[in-house]
Amino acid sequence: MAVRREGSVLKLVLELGPLLTFFGVNARAGAWDLERFGPFAALEPTTVPIMAATAAFMLATTVALTVSLAIYRRVPIMPLISGVIVIVFGGLTLYLQNDVFIKMKPTIVNVIFATALLGGLWIFKRPLLGVVFGSVLLLDTEGWRKLSLRWGLFFAFLAVVNEVVWRNFSTDLWVSFKVFGTMPLTVLFTLSQLPLMQRHALGDEASDVPTR
């Protein structure tokens, strides 16, 4: 399977950094007595950790997107969409002092990705995953179709799971699941797709799915 690698470790850090920051600040905010400081003084003590974590998440996301743009001269479409929604829904969370918005963010992101991938297949008859990642993975058209379908369904699954978790469990459990549940599930799903990618891999020649 032909895969083009470029700064994969740094890219992983840029993608995981904001999420780990979100988890770390939420876990430690109580010990830092943040409610004594101006921005958090008016908040209910129980809401301080998630509000502080949201602010840190927005800042870390902005830094990650800026570093990606500075180093690679572009921001991949999926992190960009996710980052914009973090800023919008994080801003609503802080402004309205309501953590429902940041909890809904994963649902919105996953619904957008699922709709784009499944809609691309069923409406436009085109595997959009190949358009986005055609410069990284070299697969034939059938491979891109199957991979787009599977990832579309997986994103829909993640959206449903996020709704179930945040609506039925505590905020701390939701934050932990966001890091230690969603990420392992995504890694396992990605690994499970390797046989498909190997079966439909092309050689060093360009993929037959246009990248533009």
N, C-alpha and C. Protein backbone atom coordinates (compact mmCIF):
# COMPACT_ATOMS: atom_id res chain seq x y z
N MET A 1 0.85 -1.20 0.00
CA MET A 1 0.00 0.00 0.00
C MET A 1 0.88 1.23 0.00
N ALA A 2 0.64 2.10 -0.94
CA ALA A 2 1.46 3.29 -1.06
C ALA A 2 0.91 4.40 -0.19
N VAL A 3 1.72 4.86 0.76
CA VAL A 3 1.34 5.95 1.64
C VAL A 3 2.45 6.98 1.65
N ARG A 4 2.09 8.24 1.49
CA ARG A 4 3.08 9.30 1.51
C ARG A 4 3.09 9.92 2.90
N ARG A 5 4.26 9.90 3.58
CA ARG A 5 4.37 10.39 4.95
C ARG A 5 5.06 11.74 4.94
N GLU A 6 4.53 12.65 5.77
CA GLU A 6 5.12 13.97 5.85
C GLU A 6 4.86 14.54 7.23
N GLY A 7 5.92 14.53 8.09
CA GLY A 7 5.77 15.10 9.42
C GLY A 7 4.65 14.47 10.21
N SER A 8 4.50 13.13 10.14
CA SER A 8 3.35 12.48 10.75
C SER A 8 3.33 12.65 12.27
N VAL A 9 4.50 12.64 12.91
CA VAL A 9 4.56 12.79 14.36
C VAL A 9 4.08 14.18 14.77
N LEU A 10 4.57 15.21 14.08
CA LEU A 10 4.14 16.57 14.39
C LEU A 10 2.65 16.74 14.14
N LYS A 11 2.14 16.17 13.07
CA LYS A 11 0.72 16.27 12.77
C LYS A 11 -0.11 15.61 13.86
N LEU A 12 0.39 14.46 14.38
CA LEU A 12 -0.32 13.78 15.45
C LEU A 12 -0.35 14.65 16.70
N VAL A 13 0.77 15.29 17.01
CA VAL A 13 0.84 16.19 18.16
C VAL A 13 -0.13 17.35 18.00
N LEU A 14 -0.19 17.92 16.80
CA LEU A 14 -1.09 19.05 16.55
C LEU A 14 -2.55 18.64 16.66
N GLU A 15 -2.87 17.41 16.31
CA GLU A 15 -4.25 16.95 16.39
C GLU A 15 -4.64 16.55 17.81
N LEU A 16 -3.71 15.89 18.54
CA LEU A 16 -4.04 15.40 19.88
C LEU A 16 -3.80 16.44 20.96
N GLY A 17 -2.91 17.40 20.70
CA GLY A 17 -2.56 18.39 21.71
C GLY A 17 -3.76 19.11 22.31
N PRO A 18 -4.63 19.70 21.48
CA PRO A 18 -5.80 20.39 22.04
C PRO A 18 -6.71 19.48 22.86
N LEU A 19 -6.89 18.24 22.40
CA LEU A 19 -7.76 17.31 23.12
C LEU A 19 -7.18 16.96 24.48
N LEU A 20 -5.87 16.69 24.53
CA LEU A 20 -5.21 16.37 25.80
C LEU A 20 -5.20 17.59 26.72
N THR A 21 -5.08 18.78 26.15
CA THR A 21 -5.16 20.01 26.96
C THR A 21 -6.54 20.13 27.59
N PHE A 22 -7.57 19.86 26.81
CA PHE A 22 -8.95 19.90 27.29
C PHE A 22 -9.13 18.96 28.48
N PHE A 23 -8.64 17.74 28.35
CA PHE A 23 -8.76 16.75 29.42
C PHE A 23 -7.96 17.17 30.64
N GLY A 24 -6.71 17.60 30.43
CA GLY A 24 -5.84 17.95 31.54
C GLY A 24 -6.36 19.11 32.36
N VAL A 25 -6.83 20.16 31.69
CA VAL A 25 -7.34 21.33 32.42
C VAL A 25 -8.61 20.97 33.17
N ASN A 26 -9.50 20.19 32.55
CA ASN A 26 -10.72 19.78 33.25
C ASN A 26 -10.40 18.96 34.49
N ALA A 27 -9.38 18.11 34.39
CA ALA A 27 -9.02 17.24 35.52
C ALA A 27 -8.37 18.01 36.65
N ARG A 28 -7.60 19.05 36.33
CA ARG A 28 -6.81 19.74 37.35
C ARG A 28 -7.37 21.09 37.79
N ALA A 29 -8.40 21.57 37.12
CA ALA A 29 -8.90 22.92 37.41
C ALA A 29 -9.34 23.07 38.87
N GLY A 30 -9.94 22.04 39.43
CA GLY A 30 -10.38 22.12 40.81
C GLY A 30 -9.24 22.34 41.78
N ALA A 31 -8.10 21.71 41.52
CA ALA A 31 -6.94 21.85 42.39
C ALA A 31 -6.28 23.21 42.24
N TRP A 32 -6.55 23.91 41.15
CA TRP A 32 -5.92 25.21 40.91
C TRP A 32 -6.71 26.37 41.51
N ASP A 33 -7.88 26.09 42.10
CA ASP A 33 -8.71 27.14 42.71
C ASP A 33 -8.99 28.29 41.73
N LEU A 34 -9.35 27.94 40.53
CA LEU A 34 -9.57 28.97 39.52
C LEU A 34 -10.74 29.89 39.82
N GLU A 35 -11.66 29.42 40.68
CA GLU A 35 -12.81 30.27 40.99
C GLU A 35 -12.42 31.56 41.72
N ARG A 36 -11.20 31.64 42.19
CA ARG A 36 -10.74 32.87 42.85
C ARG A 36 -10.35 33.95 41.84
N PHE A 37 -10.18 33.56 40.58
CA PHE A 37 -9.74 34.52 39.58
C PHE A 37 -10.92 35.14 38.83
N GLY A 38 -10.72 36.37 38.37
CA GLY A 38 -11.77 37.18 37.76
C GLY A 38 -12.71 36.48 36.81
N PRO A 39 -12.20 35.89 35.72
CA PRO A 39 -13.11 35.30 34.72
C PRO A 39 -13.99 34.18 35.26
N PHE A 40 -13.55 33.54 36.35
CA PHE A 40 -14.28 32.38 36.87
C PHE A 40 -15.00 32.67 38.19
N ALA A 41 -14.80 33.87 38.74
CA ALA A 41 -15.35 34.18 40.06
C ALA A 41 -16.88 34.14 40.08
N ALA A 42 -17.50 34.51 38.98
CA ALA A 42 -18.97 34.57 38.95
C ALA A 42 -19.62 33.23 38.62
N LEU A 43 -18.82 32.23 38.34
CA LEU A 43 -19.37 30.93 37.94
C LEU A 43 -19.65 30.05 39.15
N GLU A 44 -20.57 29.12 38.97
CA GLU A 44 -20.77 28.08 39.98
C GLU A 44 -19.50 27.24 40.05
N PRO A 45 -19.01 26.93 41.26
CA PRO A 45 -17.75 26.17 41.38
C PRO A 45 -17.75 24.87 40.59
N THR A 46 -18.92 24.23 40.49
CA THR A 46 -18.96 22.95 39.78
C THR A 46 -18.77 23.10 38.27
N THR A 47 -19.01 24.31 37.75
CA THR A 47 -18.87 24.52 36.31
C THR A 47 -17.50 25.07 35.92
N VAL A 48 -16.70 25.46 36.92
CA VAL A 48 -15.39 26.06 36.62
C VAL A 48 -14.49 25.13 35.80
N PRO A 49 -14.34 23.83 36.16
CA PRO A 49 -13.44 22.97 35.38
C PRO A 49 -13.78 22.90 33.90
N ILE A 50 -15.06 22.68 33.55
CA ILE A 50 -15.40 22.54 32.14
C ILE A 50 -15.28 23.87 31.41
N MET A 51 -15.55 24.98 32.09
CA MET A 51 -15.40 26.28 31.44
C MET A 51 -13.93 26.60 31.19
N ALA A 52 -13.08 26.32 32.20
CA ALA A 52 -11.64 26.54 32.04
C ALA A 52 -11.09 25.63 30.95
N ALA A 53 -11.55 24.37 30.93
CA ALA A 53 -11.09 23.43 29.92
C ALA A 53 -11.51 23.86 28.53
N THR A 54 -12.72 24.41 28.42
CA THR A 54 -13.21 24.89 27.12
C THR A 54 -12.35 26.05 26.62
N ALA A 55 -12.04 27.00 27.51
CA ALA A 55 -11.19 28.12 27.12
C ALA A 55 -9.81 27.63 26.69
N ALA A 56 -9.25 26.68 27.43
CA ALA A 56 -7.94 26.13 27.07
C ALA A 56 -8.01 25.36 25.76
N PHE A 57 -9.11 24.65 25.54
CA PHE A 57 -9.33 23.90 24.31
C PHE A 57 -9.34 24.83 23.10
N MET A 58 -10.05 25.95 23.23
CA MET A 58 -10.12 26.94 22.15
C MET A 58 -8.73 27.52 21.86
N LEU A 59 -7.99 27.85 22.92
CA LEU A 59 -6.65 28.42 22.74
C LEU A 59 -5.72 27.40 22.09
N ALA A 60 -5.73 26.16 22.60
CA ALA A 60 -4.85 25.13 22.05
C ALA A 60 -5.20 24.81 20.60
N THR A 61 -6.48 24.82 20.27
CA THR A 61 -6.92 24.57 18.89
C THR A 61 -6.43 25.67 17.97
N THR A 62 -6.55 26.91 18.42
CA THR A 62 -6.07 28.04 17.62
C THR A 62 -4.57 27.96 17.38
N VAL A 63 -3.83 27.60 18.43
CA VAL A 63 -2.37 27.46 18.30
C VAL A 63 -2.03 26.34 17.32
N ALA A 64 -2.73 25.20 17.44
CA ALA A 64 -2.45 24.06 16.56
C ALA A 64 -2.72 24.40 15.10
N LEU A 65 -3.83 25.08 14.83
CA LEU A 65 -4.16 25.46 13.46
C LEU A 65 -3.14 26.47 12.91
N THR A 66 -2.70 27.39 13.77
CA THR A 66 -1.73 28.40 13.35
C THR A 66 -0.38 27.76 13.04
N VAL A 67 0.06 26.83 13.89
CA VAL A 67 1.33 26.14 13.66
C VAL A 67 1.26 25.32 12.38
N SER A 68 0.12 24.63 12.18
CA SER A 68 -0.05 23.83 10.95
C SER A 68 0.03 24.71 9.72
N LEU A 69 -0.60 25.87 9.77
CA LEU A 69 -0.57 26.79 8.64
C LEU A 69 0.83 27.33 8.41
N ALA A 70 1.55 27.64 9.49
CA ALA A 70 2.90 28.20 9.37
C ALA A 70 3.89 27.18 8.82
N ILE A 71 3.76 25.92 9.22
CA ILE A 71 4.73 24.89 8.81
C ILE A 71 4.38 24.29 7.46
N TYR A 72 3.10 23.95 7.27
CA TYR A 72 2.70 23.22 6.06
C TYR A 72 2.07 24.12 5.00
N ARG A 73 1.88 25.42 5.35
CA ARG A 73 1.28 26.38 4.44
C ARG A 73 -0.16 26.04 4.08
N ARG A 74 -0.78 25.18 4.88
CA ARG A 74 -2.18 24.84 4.67
C ARG A 74 -2.69 24.16 5.94
N VAL A 75 -4.00 24.10 6.07
CA VAL A 75 -4.63 23.38 7.17
C VAL A 75 -5.55 22.33 6.57
N PRO A 76 -5.35 21.04 6.89
CA PRO A 76 -6.23 20.00 6.34
C PRO A 76 -7.68 20.30 6.65
N ILE A 77 -8.56 19.91 5.74
CA ILE A 77 -9.95 20.31 5.81
C ILE A 77 -10.65 19.79 7.06
N MET A 78 -10.38 18.55 7.48
CA MET A 78 -11.07 18.00 8.64
C MET A 78 -10.68 18.70 9.94
N PRO A 79 -9.37 18.88 10.23
CA PRO A 79 -9.02 19.67 11.42
C PRO A 79 -9.53 21.10 11.36
N LEU A 80 -9.59 21.67 10.15
CA LEU A 80 -10.07 23.04 10.01
C LEU A 80 -11.55 23.13 10.39
N ILE A 81 -12.36 22.23 9.86
CA ILE A 81 -13.79 22.23 10.19
C ILE A 81 -13.99 22.02 11.69
N SER A 82 -13.28 21.03 12.23
CA SER A 82 -13.38 20.76 13.67
C SER A 82 -12.94 21.96 14.49
N GLY A 83 -11.85 22.61 14.06
CA GLY A 83 -11.35 23.78 14.78
C GLY A 83 -12.32 24.94 14.78
N VAL A 84 -12.95 25.20 13.64
CA VAL A 84 -13.93 26.29 13.55
C VAL A 84 -15.10 26.02 14.48
N ILE A 85 -15.55 24.77 14.53
CA ILE A 85 -16.69 24.44 15.39
C ILE A 85 -16.29 24.52 16.87
N VAL A 86 -15.04 24.16 17.19
CA VAL A 86 -14.55 24.33 18.57
C VAL A 86 -14.63 25.79 18.98
N ILE A 87 -14.17 26.69 18.10
CA ILE A 87 -14.18 28.11 18.42
C ILE A 87 -15.62 28.62 18.58
N VAL A 88 -16.50 28.24 17.65
CA VAL A 88 -17.88 28.72 17.70
C VAL A 88 -18.62 28.18 18.92
N PHE A 89 -18.59 26.86 19.09
CA PHE A 89 -19.34 26.27 20.19
C PHE A 89 -18.66 26.51 21.53
N GLY A 90 -17.33 26.60 21.53
CA GLY A 90 -16.64 26.96 22.76
C GLY A 90 -16.98 28.38 23.18
N GLY A 91 -17.05 29.28 22.20
CA GLY A 91 -17.43 30.66 22.48
C GLY A 91 -18.83 30.75 23.05
N LEU A 92 -19.77 29.98 22.49
CA LEU A 92 -21.13 29.95 23.02
C LEU A 92 -21.16 29.39 24.43
N THR A 93 -20.35 28.37 24.68
CA THR A 93 -20.28 27.78 26.02
C THR A 93 -19.85 28.81 27.05
N LEU A 94 -18.79 29.57 26.73
CA LEU A 94 -18.28 30.57 27.67
C LEU A 94 -19.22 31.76 27.81
N TYR A 95 -19.75 32.24 26.69
CA TYR A 95 -20.59 33.43 26.71
C TYR A 95 -21.91 33.17 27.46
N LEU A 96 -22.51 32.01 27.19
CA LEU A 96 -23.79 31.68 27.81
C LEU A 96 -23.63 30.88 29.10
N GLN A 97 -22.37 30.53 29.42
CA GLN A 97 -22.07 29.75 30.63
C GLN A 97 -22.89 28.47 30.66
N ASN A 98 -22.91 27.80 29.52
CA ASN A 98 -23.69 26.57 29.36
C ASN A 98 -22.83 25.55 28.63
N ASP A 99 -22.46 24.47 29.31
CA ASP A 99 -21.53 23.50 28.72
C ASP A 99 -22.18 22.58 27.70
N VAL A 100 -23.50 22.72 27.49
CA VAL A 100 -24.17 21.90 26.49
C VAL A 100 -23.57 22.12 25.11
N PHE A 101 -23.16 23.34 24.81
CA PHE A 101 -22.66 23.65 23.48
C PHE A 101 -21.35 22.91 23.19
N ILE A 102 -20.41 22.91 24.13
CA ILE A 102 -19.14 22.22 23.89
C ILE A 102 -19.36 20.71 23.88
N LYS A 103 -20.36 20.23 24.61
CA LYS A 103 -20.66 18.79 24.60
C LYS A 103 -21.27 18.37 23.27
N MET A 104 -21.99 19.29 22.63
CA MET A 104 -22.60 18.97 21.33
C MET A 104 -21.61 19.07 20.18
N LYS A 105 -20.46 19.71 20.43
CA LYS A 105 -19.49 19.91 19.35
C LYS A 105 -19.10 18.62 18.65
N PRO A 106 -18.73 17.53 19.36
CA PRO A 106 -18.38 16.30 18.64
C PRO A 106 -19.52 15.75 17.80
N THR A 107 -20.75 15.90 18.31
CA THR A 107 -21.91 15.44 17.54
C THR A 107 -22.01 16.20 16.22
N ILE A 108 -21.90 17.52 16.30
CA ILE A 108 -22.02 18.34 15.09
C ILE A 108 -20.92 18.00 14.09
N VAL A 109 -19.67 17.89 14.58
CA VAL A 109 -18.55 17.58 13.69
C VAL A 109 -18.76 16.24 13.01
N ASN A 110 -19.12 15.23 13.79
CA ASN A 110 -19.28 13.89 13.21
C ASN A 110 -20.46 13.82 12.25
N VAL A 111 -21.53 14.56 12.54
CA VAL A 111 -22.68 14.59 11.61
C VAL A 111 -22.27 15.25 10.29
N ILE A 112 -21.48 16.32 10.38
CA ILE A 112 -21.01 16.98 9.16
C ILE A 112 -20.18 16.03 8.31
N PHE A 113 -19.23 15.33 8.95
CA PHE A 113 -18.37 14.40 8.20
C PHE A 113 -19.19 13.24 7.63
N ALA A 114 -20.09 12.68 8.44
CA ALA A 114 -20.91 11.56 7.97
C ALA A 114 -21.79 11.99 6.80
N THR A 115 -22.38 13.16 6.91
CA THR A 115 -23.25 13.66 5.84
C THR A 115 -22.46 13.90 4.55
N ALA A 116 -21.26 14.47 4.71
CA ALA A 116 -20.44 14.75 3.52
C ALA A 116 -20.04 13.46 2.82
N LEU A 117 -19.59 12.47 3.59
CA LEU A 117 -19.11 11.22 2.98
C LEU A 117 -20.24 10.39 2.39
N LEU A 118 -21.32 10.23 3.17
CA LEU A 118 -22.44 9.43 2.67
C LEU A 118 -23.20 10.17 1.57
N GLY A 119 -23.34 11.48 1.74
CA GLY A 119 -23.99 12.26 0.69
C GLY A 119 -23.18 12.28 -0.59
N GLY A 120 -21.86 12.32 -0.46
CA GLY A 120 -21.01 12.28 -1.65
C GLY A 120 -21.20 11.01 -2.44
N LEU A 121 -21.40 9.89 -1.72
CA LEU A 121 -21.59 8.60 -2.40
C LEU A 121 -22.98 8.48 -3.01
N TRP A 122 -24.00 8.86 -2.27
CA TRP A 122 -25.37 8.60 -2.70
C TRP A 122 -25.96 9.71 -3.55
N ILE A 123 -25.51 10.93 -3.37
CA ILE A 123 -26.08 12.05 -4.13
C ILE A 123 -25.19 12.40 -5.32
N PHE A 124 -23.90 12.58 -5.03
CA PHE A 124 -22.97 13.02 -6.09
C PHE A 124 -22.25 11.85 -6.75
N LYS A 125 -22.46 10.63 -6.23
CA LYS A 125 -21.83 9.43 -6.79
C LYS A 125 -20.30 9.57 -6.82
N ARG A 126 -19.76 10.18 -5.77
CA ARG A 126 -18.32 10.41 -5.73
C ARG A 126 -17.78 10.16 -4.33
N PRO A 127 -16.69 9.38 -4.20
CA PRO A 127 -16.09 9.14 -2.87
C PRO A 127 -15.25 10.34 -2.44
N LEU A 128 -15.83 11.20 -1.61
CA LEU A 128 -15.15 12.44 -1.23
C LEU A 128 -13.90 12.20 -0.40
N LEU A 129 -13.82 11.04 0.24
CA LEU A 129 -12.61 10.74 1.02
C LEU A 129 -11.39 10.70 0.11
N GLY A 130 -11.58 10.23 -1.12
CA GLY A 130 -10.49 10.20 -2.08
C GLY A 130 -10.07 11.58 -2.52
N VAL A 131 -11.03 12.51 -2.57
CA VAL A 131 -10.71 13.88 -2.94
C VAL A 131 -9.84 14.53 -1.87
N VAL A 132 -10.16 14.23 -0.60
CA VAL A 132 -9.44 14.84 0.52
C VAL A 132 -8.08 14.20 0.74
N PHE A 133 -8.02 12.87 0.65
CA PHE A 133 -6.80 12.16 1.01
C PHE A 133 -6.10 11.49 -0.18
N GLY A 134 -6.51 11.86 -1.39
CA GLY A 134 -5.90 11.25 -2.57
C GLY A 134 -4.42 11.52 -2.71
N SER A 135 -3.92 12.57 -2.06
CA SER A 135 -2.49 12.86 -2.14
C SER A 135 -1.69 12.11 -1.08
N VAL A 136 -2.40 11.42 -0.17
CA VAL A 136 -1.74 10.70 0.92
C VAL A 136 -1.81 9.20 0.72
N LEU A 137 -2.99 8.71 0.35
CA LEU A 137 -3.19 7.29 0.10
C LEU A 137 -3.48 7.06 -1.38
N LEU A 138 -2.88 6.03 -1.94
CA LEU A 138 -3.09 5.71 -3.34
C LEU A 138 -3.97 4.47 -3.45
N LEU A 139 -5.27 4.69 -3.65
CA LEU A 139 -6.23 3.60 -3.75
C LEU A 139 -6.99 3.71 -5.06
N ASP A 140 -7.55 2.57 -5.51
CA ASP A 140 -8.40 2.64 -6.69
C ASP A 140 -9.77 3.19 -6.31
N THR A 141 -10.60 3.45 -7.31
CA THR A 141 -11.89 4.09 -7.06
C THR A 141 -12.79 3.25 -6.17
N GLU A 142 -12.81 1.94 -6.37
CA GLU A 142 -13.65 1.07 -5.55
C GLU A 142 -13.20 1.11 -4.09
N GLY A 143 -11.89 1.17 -3.88
CA GLY A 143 -11.36 1.27 -2.53
C GLY A 143 -11.82 2.55 -1.84
N TRP A 144 -11.77 3.67 -2.58
CA TRP A 144 -12.22 4.93 -2.01
C TRP A 144 -13.71 4.90 -1.71
N ARG A 145 -14.50 4.25 -2.55
CA ARG A 145 -15.94 4.15 -2.32
C ARG A 145 -16.22 3.38 -1.01
N LYS A 146 -15.59 2.24 -0.87
CA LYS A 146 -15.81 1.43 0.32
C LYS A 146 -15.32 2.14 1.57
N LEU A 147 -14.17 2.78 1.46
CA LEU A 147 -13.60 3.47 2.62
C LEU A 147 -14.47 4.67 3.02
N SER A 148 -14.98 5.38 2.02
CA SER A 148 -15.86 6.52 2.31
C SER A 148 -17.15 6.07 2.99
N LEU A 149 -17.71 4.96 2.52
CA LEU A 149 -18.92 4.42 3.13
C LEU A 149 -18.67 4.03 4.59
N ARG A 150 -17.59 3.31 4.82
CA ARG A 150 -17.30 2.84 6.18
C ARG A 150 -17.02 4.00 7.13
N TRP A 151 -16.24 4.98 6.66
CA TRP A 151 -15.96 6.12 7.53
C TRP A 151 -17.21 6.97 7.75
N GLY A 152 -18.05 7.09 6.75
CA GLY A 152 -19.29 7.82 6.93
C GLY A 152 -20.16 7.19 8.01
N LEU A 153 -20.29 5.87 7.96
CA LEU A 153 -21.08 5.16 8.98
C LEU A 153 -20.41 5.26 10.35
N PHE A 154 -19.09 5.22 10.38
CA PHE A 154 -18.38 5.33 11.65
C PHE A 154 -18.58 6.70 12.28
N PHE A 155 -18.51 7.76 11.47
CA PHE A 155 -18.75 9.10 12.00
C PHE A 155 -20.18 9.22 12.53
N ALA A 156 -21.14 8.62 11.84
CA ALA A 156 -22.52 8.64 12.33
C ALA A 156 -22.62 7.91 13.67
N PHE A 157 -21.92 6.80 13.79
CA PHE A 157 -21.88 6.04 15.05
C PHE A 157 -21.31 6.89 16.18
N LEU A 158 -20.20 7.60 15.91
CA LEU A 158 -19.59 8.45 16.93
C LEU A 158 -20.54 9.56 17.37
N ALA A 159 -21.29 10.11 16.43
CA ALA A 159 -22.26 11.17 16.77
C ALA A 159 -23.31 10.64 17.74
N VAL A 160 -23.83 9.45 17.46
CA VAL A 160 -24.84 8.85 18.33
C VAL A 160 -24.26 8.55 19.70
N VAL A 161 -23.06 7.98 19.74
CA VAL A 161 -22.43 7.65 21.01
C VAL A 161 -22.19 8.90 21.86
N ASN A 162 -21.72 9.97 21.22
CA ASN A 162 -21.49 11.21 21.97
C ASN A 162 -22.78 11.72 22.59
N GLU A 163 -23.88 11.66 21.84
CA GLU A 163 -25.16 12.11 22.38
C GLU A 163 -25.58 11.26 23.58
N VAL A 164 -25.40 9.96 23.48
CA VAL A 164 -25.77 9.07 24.58
C VAL A 164 -24.94 9.38 25.83
N VAL A 165 -23.63 9.58 25.65
CA VAL A 165 -22.75 9.77 26.80
C VAL A 165 -23.00 11.11 27.48
N TRP A 166 -23.04 12.22 26.72
CA TRP A 166 -23.16 13.51 27.40
C TRP A 166 -24.55 13.73 28.00
N ARG A 167 -25.56 13.10 27.44
CA ARG A 167 -26.91 13.28 27.96
C ARG A 167 -27.21 12.39 29.17
N ASN A 168 -26.43 11.34 29.37
CA ASN A 168 -26.76 10.37 30.42
C ASN A 168 -25.70 10.21 31.50
N PHE A 169 -24.55 10.84 31.33
CA PHE A 169 -23.48 10.67 32.32
C PHE A 169 -22.92 12.02 32.73
N SER A 170 -22.03 11.99 33.73
CA SER A 170 -21.47 13.23 34.26
C SER A 170 -20.53 13.89 33.26
N THR A 171 -20.26 15.18 33.50
CA THR A 171 -19.35 15.92 32.63
C THR A 171 -17.96 15.32 32.64
N ASP A 172 -17.46 14.96 33.83
CA ASP A 172 -16.12 14.37 33.92
C ASP A 172 -16.03 13.06 33.14
N LEU A 173 -17.08 12.25 33.22
CA LEU A 173 -17.07 10.99 32.46
C LEU A 173 -17.10 11.28 30.97
N TRP A 174 -17.89 12.28 30.56
CA TRP A 174 -17.93 12.63 29.14
C TRP A 174 -16.56 13.09 28.64
N VAL A 175 -15.88 13.94 29.42
CA VAL A 175 -14.55 14.42 29.02
C VAL A 175 -13.59 13.24 28.91
N SER A 176 -13.63 12.33 29.88
CA SER A 176 -12.75 11.16 29.84
C SER A 176 -13.05 10.29 28.63
N PHE A 177 -14.35 10.11 28.35
CA PHE A 177 -14.71 9.31 27.18
C PHE A 177 -14.25 9.96 25.89
N LYS A 178 -14.32 11.30 25.84
CA LYS A 178 -13.91 12.03 24.64
C LYS A 178 -12.45 11.74 24.31
N VAL A 179 -11.61 11.58 25.36
CA VAL A 179 -10.18 11.33 25.14
C VAL A 179 -9.87 9.84 25.10
N PHE A 180 -10.34 9.10 26.11
CA PHE A 180 -9.94 7.71 26.26
C PHE A 180 -10.93 6.72 25.68
N GLY A 181 -12.04 7.21 25.17
CA GLY A 181 -13.00 6.34 24.50
C GLY A 181 -13.01 6.56 23.01
N THR A 182 -13.23 7.82 22.60
CA THR A 182 -13.33 8.13 21.18
C THR A 182 -12.02 7.87 20.45
N MET A 183 -10.89 8.29 21.04
CA MET A 183 -9.61 8.11 20.36
C MET A 183 -9.27 6.63 20.15
N PRO A 184 -9.34 5.78 21.19
CA PRO A 184 -9.07 4.35 20.96
C PRO A 184 -10.02 3.72 19.94
N LEU A 185 -11.31 4.10 20.00
CA LEU A 185 -12.26 3.57 19.02
C LEU A 185 -11.84 3.96 17.60
N THR A 186 -11.41 5.20 17.43
CA THR A 186 -10.99 5.68 16.11
C THR A 186 -9.74 4.96 15.64
N VAL A 187 -8.78 4.76 16.56
CA VAL A 187 -7.55 4.05 16.20
C VAL A 187 -7.87 2.61 15.80
N LEU A 188 -8.70 1.94 16.58
CA LEU A 188 -9.07 0.55 16.28
C LEU A 188 -9.80 0.46 14.95
N PHE A 189 -10.71 1.40 14.70
CA PHE A 189 -11.43 1.40 13.43
C PHE A 189 -10.47 1.62 12.27
N THR A 190 -9.55 2.56 12.44
CA THR A 190 -8.56 2.83 11.38
C THR A 190 -7.75 1.59 11.07
N LEU A 191 -7.28 0.90 12.12
CA LEU A 191 -6.50 -0.32 11.92
C LEU A 191 -7.32 -1.40 11.24
N SER A 192 -8.60 -1.44 11.55
CA SER A 192 -9.46 -2.47 10.94
C SER A 192 -9.66 -2.25 9.45
N GLN A 193 -9.35 -1.04 8.96
CA GLN A 193 -9.51 -0.74 7.54
C GLN A 193 -8.25 -1.04 6.72
N LEU A 194 -7.16 -1.41 7.39
CA LEU A 194 -5.91 -1.68 6.68
C LEU A 194 -6.05 -2.79 5.63
N PRO A 195 -6.72 -3.91 5.95
CA PRO A 195 -6.88 -4.94 4.89
C PRO A 195 -7.58 -4.41 3.65
N LEU A 196 -8.62 -3.59 3.84
CA LEU A 196 -9.32 -2.99 2.69
C LEU A 196 -8.37 -2.12 1.88
N MET A 197 -7.59 -1.28 2.56
CA MET A 197 -6.67 -0.39 1.86
C MET A 197 -5.59 -1.17 1.13
N GLN A 198 -5.15 -2.27 1.72
CA GLN A 198 -4.13 -3.10 1.06
C GLN A 198 -4.69 -3.77 -0.19
N ARG A 199 -5.95 -4.23 -0.12
CA ARG A 199 -6.56 -4.89 -1.28
C ARG A 199 -6.75 -3.94 -2.45
N HIS A 200 -6.99 -2.67 -2.16
CA HIS A 200 -7.29 -1.71 -3.22
C HIS A 200 -6.16 -0.71 -3.46
N ALA A 201 -4.98 -1.01 -2.92
CA ALA A 201 -3.86 -0.09 -3.08
C ALA A 201 -3.34 -0.11 -4.51
N LEU A 202 -2.94 1.05 -4.98
CA LEU A 202 -2.27 1.19 -6.26
C LEU A 202 -0.77 1.18 -6.04
N GLY A 203 -0.04 1.16 -7.12
CA GLY A 203 1.42 1.27 -7.01
C GLY A 203 1.81 2.71 -6.80
N ASP A 204 2.96 3.10 -7.31
CA ASP A 204 3.44 4.47 -7.16
C ASP A 204 2.77 5.43 -8.13
N GLU A 205 1.94 4.88 -9.02
CA GLU A 205 1.25 5.76 -9.95
C GLU A 205 0.17 6.53 -9.23
N ALA A 206 -0.30 7.60 -9.84
CA ALA A 206 -1.31 8.45 -9.19
C ALA A 206 -2.61 7.68 -9.05
N SER A 207 -3.36 8.01 -7.98
CA SER A 207 -4.67 7.41 -7.76
C SER A 207 -5.60 7.81 -8.90
N ASP A 208 -6.59 6.92 -9.19
CA ASP A 208 -7.54 7.24 -10.26
C ASP A 208 -8.71 8.08 -9.73
N VAL A 209 -8.65 8.52 -8.47
CA VAL A 209 -9.63 9.47 -7.95
C VAL A 209 -9.01 10.84 -7.98
N PRO A 210 -9.60 11.82 -8.68
CA PRO A 210 -9.02 13.15 -8.74
C PRO A 210 -8.91 13.76 -7.37
N THR A 211 -7.82 14.49 -7.16
CA THR A 211 -7.60 15.14 -5.86
C THR A 211 -8.14 16.55 -5.85
N ARG A 212 -8.68 17.03 -6.92
CA ARG A 212 -9.26 18.37 -6.98
C ARG A 212 -10.65 18.30 -7.62
